[in-house]
């Protein structure tokens, strides 16, 4: 059984969200080894007691739980299947958790190859953005074996609040696609509502107070609406990563013969936003496109 005394967690990917998530595990008393392509993004964790390693292979050779939180499926593939990657270097009995939003097919491949090597793998993408990561109240959507889920639940409970086993490997990633599909159309509505309020000569802050508690209420309206109003377009979640997610969802929907016109419209708008130099802004920057400010 995993516990704080016999668990060494390797955390790969200490960016906007990963840094906060890893920090919670460190504060909870777990031994933590970290790796990130840019070491400076791990300095805060190192100062708090995390141990830095120069390669993925070094991390996995010393950890018995490995968490990955990186950018794109190609990064996940390299980290897991590269020569110096996780599958080749993890000891039998290691638990690996990919918390990146990636493809269901890649999650299933990681599970299969891990199982062949005596490694327990789950896909566990998250929702909640930088705020959820900082406040340790992420939604965590898990795909994999129930036994692995139960073993890892104490770790998940340190970084998240809403933790659900969705099914076999890949189910976590499919659930995250449902999440992103719901957000995509909602973000258009949130941006349009704020632009409308401004053009109508209303105080958008006062409008927000009225509409966020009614039927229009949503996480994006309450958390990203104020950022739009205040001109804060720093990334809690990058435009470029949202475009990646929508692309994954569109491909999966196509495979299932599913029409997703709202998702298609949202991706086209975000593609246009990125083409205007906003790919490294937060997703709330869609406001700038609809308000004619880019």
Protein backbone atom coordinates (compact mmCIF):
# COMPACT_ATOMS: atom_id res chain seq x y z
CA UNK A 1 0.00 0.00 0.00
CA UNK A 2 1.24 3.48 -0.86
CA UNK A 3 1.80 5.90 1.99
CA UNK A 4 3.98 8.93 2.65
CA UNK A 5 6.72 6.83 4.24
CA UNK A 6 7.21 4.47 1.29
CA UNK A 7 6.31 6.76 -1.62
CA UNK A 8 8.65 8.89 -3.70
CA UNK A 9 6.77 10.95 -6.27
CA UNK A 10 8.43 12.01 -9.49
CA UNK A 11 6.74 15.05 -11.04
CA UNK A 12 7.50 15.82 -14.68
CA UNK A 13 6.21 19.17 -15.96
CA UNK A 14 6.23 22.08 -13.52
CA UNK A 15 4.51 24.74 -15.60
CA UNK A 16 1.55 26.97 -14.73
CA UNK A 17 -0.50 24.15 -13.19
CA UNK A 18 2.08 21.47 -12.50
CA UNK A 19 4.09 23.73 -10.20
CA UNK A 20 1.13 24.26 -7.87
CA UNK A 21 0.11 20.62 -7.96
CA UNK A 22 3.62 19.44 -7.12
CA UNK A 23 3.82 22.03 -4.35
CA UNK A 24 0.75 20.63 -2.62
CA UNK A 25 2.27 17.15 -2.62
CA UNK A 26 5.50 18.49 -1.16
CA UNK A 27 3.65 20.38 1.57
CA UNK A 28 1.67 17.24 2.37
CA UNK A 29 4.91 15.50 3.29
CA UNK A 30 5.69 13.41 0.22
CA UNK A 31 9.26 13.04 -1.03
CA UNK A 32 9.30 14.79 -4.41
CA UNK A 33 11.65 14.58 -7.39
CA UNK A 34 11.07 17.06 -10.20
CA UNK A 35 12.03 17.54 -13.84
CA UNK A 36 11.04 20.22 -16.33
CA UNK A 37 12.55 21.15 -19.69
CA UNK A 38 13.19 24.64 -18.28
CA UNK A 39 14.79 24.21 -14.87
CA UNK A 40 13.95 27.75 -13.74
CA UNK A 41 10.27 26.77 -13.54
CA UNK A 42 11.18 24.26 -10.83
CA UNK A 43 13.34 26.58 -8.71
CA UNK A 44 10.49 27.44 -6.32
CA UNK A 45 9.85 23.75 -5.65
CA UNK A 46 13.55 23.03 -5.24
CA UNK A 47 13.76 25.83 -2.66
CA UNK A 48 10.91 24.13 -0.77
CA UNK A 49 12.70 20.79 -0.65
CA UNK A 50 12.06 19.03 -3.97
CA UNK A 51 15.02 17.21 -5.52
CA UNK A 52 15.93 18.15 -9.09
CA UNK A 53 16.99 15.58 -11.68
CA UNK A 54 18.41 16.36 -15.11
CA UNK A 55 16.52 13.71 -17.07
CA UNK A 56 13.23 11.86 -17.10
CA UNK A 57 15.13 8.57 -16.74
CA UNK A 58 16.75 9.76 -13.49
CA UNK A 59 13.37 10.76 -12.08
CA UNK A 60 11.70 7.45 -12.85
CA UNK A 61 14.56 5.30 -11.67
CA UNK A 62 14.15 6.73 -8.14
CA UNK A 63 10.37 7.21 -7.90
CA UNK A 64 7.59 4.69 -7.39
CA UNK A 65 4.84 7.13 -8.41
CA UNK A 66 5.38 9.29 -11.49
CA UNK A 67 3.08 12.16 -12.50
CA UNK A 68 3.33 13.84 -15.89
CA UNK A 69 1.77 17.22 -16.63
CA UNK A 70 3.12 18.51 -19.94
CA UNK A 71 1.84 20.38 -22.99
CA UNK A 72 0.98 18.21 -25.97
CA UNK A 73 0.41 14.55 -26.90
CA UNK A 74 3.78 14.56 -28.70
CA UNK A 75 5.43 15.54 -25.41
CA UNK A 76 3.60 12.75 -23.60
CA UNK A 77 4.66 10.25 -26.25
CA UNK A 78 8.31 11.30 -25.99
CA UNK A 79 8.32 11.21 -22.19
CA UNK A 80 6.75 7.76 -22.02
CA UNK A 81 8.21 6.01 -25.06
CA UNK A 82 11.52 7.75 -25.72
CA UNK A 83 14.80 5.90 -25.12
CA UNK A 84 15.28 7.73 -21.82
CA UNK A 85 11.56 7.72 -21.07
CA UNK A 86 9.27 6.33 -18.44
CA UNK A 87 8.40 2.91 -19.85
CA UNK A 88 12.04 1.97 -20.42
CA UNK A 89 13.26 3.12 -17.04
CA UNK A 90 10.47 2.67 -14.49
CA UNK A 91 10.73 -0.24 -12.08
CA UNK A 92 8.03 -2.90 -12.07
CA UNK A 93 5.34 -1.92 -9.58
CA UNK A 94 5.64 1.80 -10.33
CA UNK A 95 2.43 3.82 -10.73
CA UNK A 96 2.37 6.33 -13.60
CA UNK A 97 -0.25 9.05 -13.88
CA UNK A 98 -0.57 11.18 -17.00
CA UNK A 99 -2.48 14.33 -16.03
CA UNK A 100 -1.85 16.03 -19.38
CA UNK A 101 -4.89 16.50 -21.58
CA UNK A 102 -3.99 14.08 -24.36
CA UNK A 103 -5.64 11.62 -26.74
CA UNK A 104 -7.63 8.61 -25.52
CA UNK A 105 -5.72 6.38 -27.95
CA UNK A 106 -2.36 7.45 -26.47
CA UNK A 107 -3.69 6.82 -22.96
CA UNK A 108 -4.65 3.30 -23.97
CA UNK A 109 -1.22 2.73 -25.52
CA UNK A 110 0.53 3.92 -22.35
CA UNK A 111 -1.67 1.58 -20.30
CA UNK A 112 -0.95 -1.41 -22.53
CA UNK A 113 2.82 -0.91 -22.71
CA UNK A 114 2.99 -0.17 -18.99
CA UNK A 115 1.08 -3.35 -18.15
CA UNK A 116 3.50 -5.36 -20.27
CA UNK A 117 6.31 -3.99 -18.09
CA UNK A 118 4.60 -4.51 -14.74
CA UNK A 119 3.76 -0.80 -14.40
CA UNK A 120 0.35 0.52 -13.33
CA UNK A 121 -0.85 3.38 -15.55
CA UNK A 122 -3.84 5.71 -15.34
CA UNK A 123 -4.87 8.73 -17.37
CA UNK A 124 -6.07 11.53 -15.10
CA UNK A 125 -6.57 14.87 -16.88
CA UNK A 126 -7.79 17.77 -14.77
CA UNK A 127 -10.02 20.82 -14.98
CA UNK A 128 -9.97 23.99 -12.91
CA UNK A 129 -7.12 25.96 -14.45
CA UNK A 130 -4.47 27.83 -12.52
CA UNK A 131 -6.97 28.78 -9.79
CA UNK A 132 -8.02 25.18 -9.19
CA UNK A 133 -4.39 24.06 -9.16
CA UNK A 134 -3.36 26.76 -6.66
CA UNK A 135 -6.31 26.09 -4.37
CA UNK A 136 -6.05 22.27 -4.63
CA UNK A 137 -9.61 21.89 -5.86
CA UNK A 138 -9.14 20.46 -9.33
CA UNK A 139 -11.62 18.10 -10.94
CA UNK A 140 -9.71 14.91 -11.74
CA UNK A 141 -11.07 12.52 -14.38
CA UNK A 142 -9.48 9.09 -14.17
CA UNK A 143 -9.27 6.20 -16.60
CA UNK A 144 -7.68 2.89 -15.64
CA UNK A 145 -7.97 -0.07 -13.30
CA UNK A 146 -10.04 0.40 -10.15
CA UNK A 147 -7.22 -1.07 -8.03
CA UNK A 148 -4.75 1.56 -9.28
CA UNK A 149 -7.33 4.30 -8.74
CA UNK A 150 -7.85 3.23 -5.13
CA UNK A 151 -4.10 3.09 -4.48
CA UNK A 152 -3.61 6.60 -5.90
CA UNK A 153 -6.71 8.21 -4.41
CA UNK A 154 -4.88 9.70 -1.37
CA UNK A 155 -2.52 11.48 -3.77
CA UNK A 156 -5.38 12.74 -5.94
CA UNK A 157 -7.16 14.04 -2.85
CA UNK A 158 -4.25 16.36 -2.08
CA UNK A 159 -4.56 18.21 -5.38
CA UNK A 160 -8.24 17.87 -6.22
CA UNK A 161 -11.75 17.85 -4.80
CA UNK A 162 -13.92 16.21 -7.45
CA UNK A 163 -12.23 12.90 -8.26
CA UNK A 164 -14.05 10.31 -10.36
CA UNK A 165 -13.04 7.00 -11.89
CA UNK A 166 -14.67 7.18 -15.31
CA UNK A 167 -13.84 3.73 -16.65
CA UNK A 168 -11.00 1.86 -18.32
CA UNK A 169 -7.87 3.46 -19.76
CA UNK A 170 -8.72 6.39 -22.05
CA UNK A 171 -11.96 7.14 -20.22
CA UNK A 172 -10.36 10.01 -18.32
CA UNK A 173 -9.26 11.63 -21.57
CA UNK A 174 -12.69 11.14 -23.16
CA UNK A 175 -14.26 12.80 -20.09
CA UNK A 176 -11.86 15.73 -20.41
CA UNK A 177 -13.00 16.13 -24.01
CA UNK A 178 -16.60 16.41 -22.76
CA UNK A 179 -15.35 19.11 -20.40
CA UNK A 180 -13.59 21.03 -23.16
CA UNK A 181 -16.55 20.76 -25.53
CA UNK A 182 -18.81 22.28 -22.86
CA UNK A 183 -16.32 25.08 -22.18
CA UNK A 184 -15.75 25.91 -25.84
CA UNK A 185 -19.23 27.18 -26.66
CA UNK A 186 -19.67 28.65 -23.19
CA UNK A 187 -16.56 30.81 -23.63
CA UNK A 188 -18.08 32.37 -26.74
CA UNK A 189 -21.21 33.26 -24.79
CA UNK A 190 -19.27 34.69 -21.83
CA UNK A 191 -17.18 36.92 -24.11
CA UNK A 192 -20.18 38.06 -26.14
CA UNK A 193 -22.14 38.90 -22.99
CA UNK A 194 -19.38 41.11 -21.61
CA UNK A 195 -18.81 42.85 -24.94
CA UNK A 196 -22.57 43.40 -25.23
CA UNK A 197 -22.72 44.89 -21.71
CA UNK A 198 -19.92 47.30 -22.54
CA UNK A 199 -21.42 48.36 -25.86
CA UNK A 200 -24.81 48.93 -24.19
CA UNK A 201 -23.17 51.36 -21.78
CA UNK A 202 -23.63 49.12 -18.74
CA UNK A 203 -21.17 48.56 -15.91
CA UNK A 204 -19.94 45.04 -16.76
CA UNK A 205 -18.99 44.33 -13.14
CA UNK A 206 -22.56 45.06 -12.03
CA UNK A 207 -23.95 42.99 -14.91
CA UNK A 208 -21.72 40.11 -13.85
CA UNK A 209 -23.09 40.28 -10.29
CA UNK A 210 -26.61 39.84 -11.65
CA UNK A 211 -26.09 37.10 -14.19
CA UNK A 212 -23.45 34.85 -12.62
CA UNK A 213 -25.83 33.51 -9.96
CA UNK A 214 -28.71 32.77 -12.34
CA UNK A 215 -29.23 30.35 -15.18
CA UNK A 216 -26.30 31.89 -17.09
CA UNK A 217 -23.87 31.05 -14.31
CA UNK A 218 -20.70 29.09 -15.13
CA UNK A 219 -17.13 28.69 -13.93
CA UNK A 220 -15.88 30.68 -16.92
CA UNK A 221 -18.32 33.53 -16.29
CA UNK A 222 -17.41 33.85 -12.60
CA UNK A 223 -13.66 33.27 -12.88
CA UNK A 224 -12.68 34.52 -16.32
CA UNK A 225 -15.33 37.23 -16.77
CA UNK A 226 -13.64 39.51 -14.20
CA UNK A 227 -10.28 38.98 -15.90
CA UNK A 228 -11.73 40.10 -19.23
CA UNK A 229 -13.28 43.19 -17.66
CA UNK A 230 -9.99 44.08 -15.96
CA UNK A 231 -7.88 43.50 -19.06
CA UNK A 232 -6.04 40.57 -17.51
CA UNK A 233 -5.20 38.07 -20.25
CA UNK A 234 -2.41 36.20 -18.47
CA UNK A 235 -2.72 32.45 -18.94
CA UNK A 236 -4.48 30.31 -16.42
CA UNK A 237 -4.84 28.05 -19.43
CA UNK A 238 -3.10 28.87 -22.71
CA UNK A 239 -4.96 29.57 -25.94
CA UNK A 240 -2.54 27.24 -27.75
CA UNK A 241 -3.34 24.39 -25.36
CA UNK A 242 -7.08 24.94 -25.71
CA UNK A 243 -6.73 24.77 -29.48
CA UNK A 244 -4.86 21.49 -29.04
CA UNK A 245 -7.65 20.13 -26.84
CA UNK A 246 -10.39 21.17 -29.26
CA UNK A 247 -8.49 19.50 -32.09
CA UNK A 248 -8.36 16.24 -30.12
CA UNK A 249 -12.08 16.48 -29.38
CA UNK A 250 -12.96 17.21 -33.01
CA UNK A 251 -10.92 14.22 -34.22
CA UNK A 252 -12.55 11.93 -31.65
CA UNK A 253 -16.01 13.24 -32.51
CA UNK A 254 -15.36 12.63 -36.21
CA UNK A 255 -14.34 9.04 -35.46
CA UNK A 256 -17.68 8.58 -33.67
CA UNK A 257 -19.68 10.22 -36.46
CA UNK A 258 -20.73 13.02 -34.12
CA UNK A 259 -21.65 16.56 -35.20
CA UNK A 260 -20.13 19.28 -32.98
CA UNK A 261 -20.94 22.63 -34.64
CA UNK A 262 -20.38 24.64 -31.45
CA UNK A 263 -16.95 23.12 -31.00
CA UNK A 264 -16.07 23.77 -34.64
CA UNK A 265 -17.05 27.43 -34.34
CA UNK A 266 -15.09 27.88 -31.12
CA UNK A 267 -11.95 26.34 -32.60
CA UNK A 268 -12.18 28.54 -35.68
CA UNK A 269 -12.40 31.65 -33.48
CA UNK A 270 -9.47 30.55 -31.32
CA UNK A 271 -7.44 29.72 -34.44
CA UNK A 272 -8.06 33.28 -35.63
CA UNK A 273 -7.11 34.63 -32.20
CA UNK A 274 -3.85 32.65 -32.24
CA UNK A 275 -3.05 33.89 -35.75
CA UNK A 276 -3.16 37.42 -34.33
CA UNK A 277 -0.38 36.62 -31.86
CA UNK A 278 -2.46 35.58 -28.85
CA UNK A 279 -1.50 31.90 -28.65
CA UNK A 280 0.32 32.40 -25.34
CA UNK A 281 -2.50 34.39 -23.74
CA UNK A 282 -5.14 32.88 -21.48
CA UNK A 283 -8.33 31.52 -23.02
CA UNK A 284 -10.21 34.62 -21.82
CA UNK A 285 -8.38 36.55 -24.57
CA UNK A 286 -11.16 35.48 -26.93
CA UNK A 287 -12.86 38.59 -25.55
CA UNK A 288 -10.27 40.71 -27.39
CA UNK A 289 -11.20 39.14 -30.73
CA UNK A 290 -14.95 39.61 -30.27
CA UNK A 291 -14.45 43.17 -28.96
CA UNK A 292 -12.29 44.05 -31.96
CA UNK A 293 -9.22 44.70 -29.78
CA UNK A 294 -6.76 42.52 -31.71
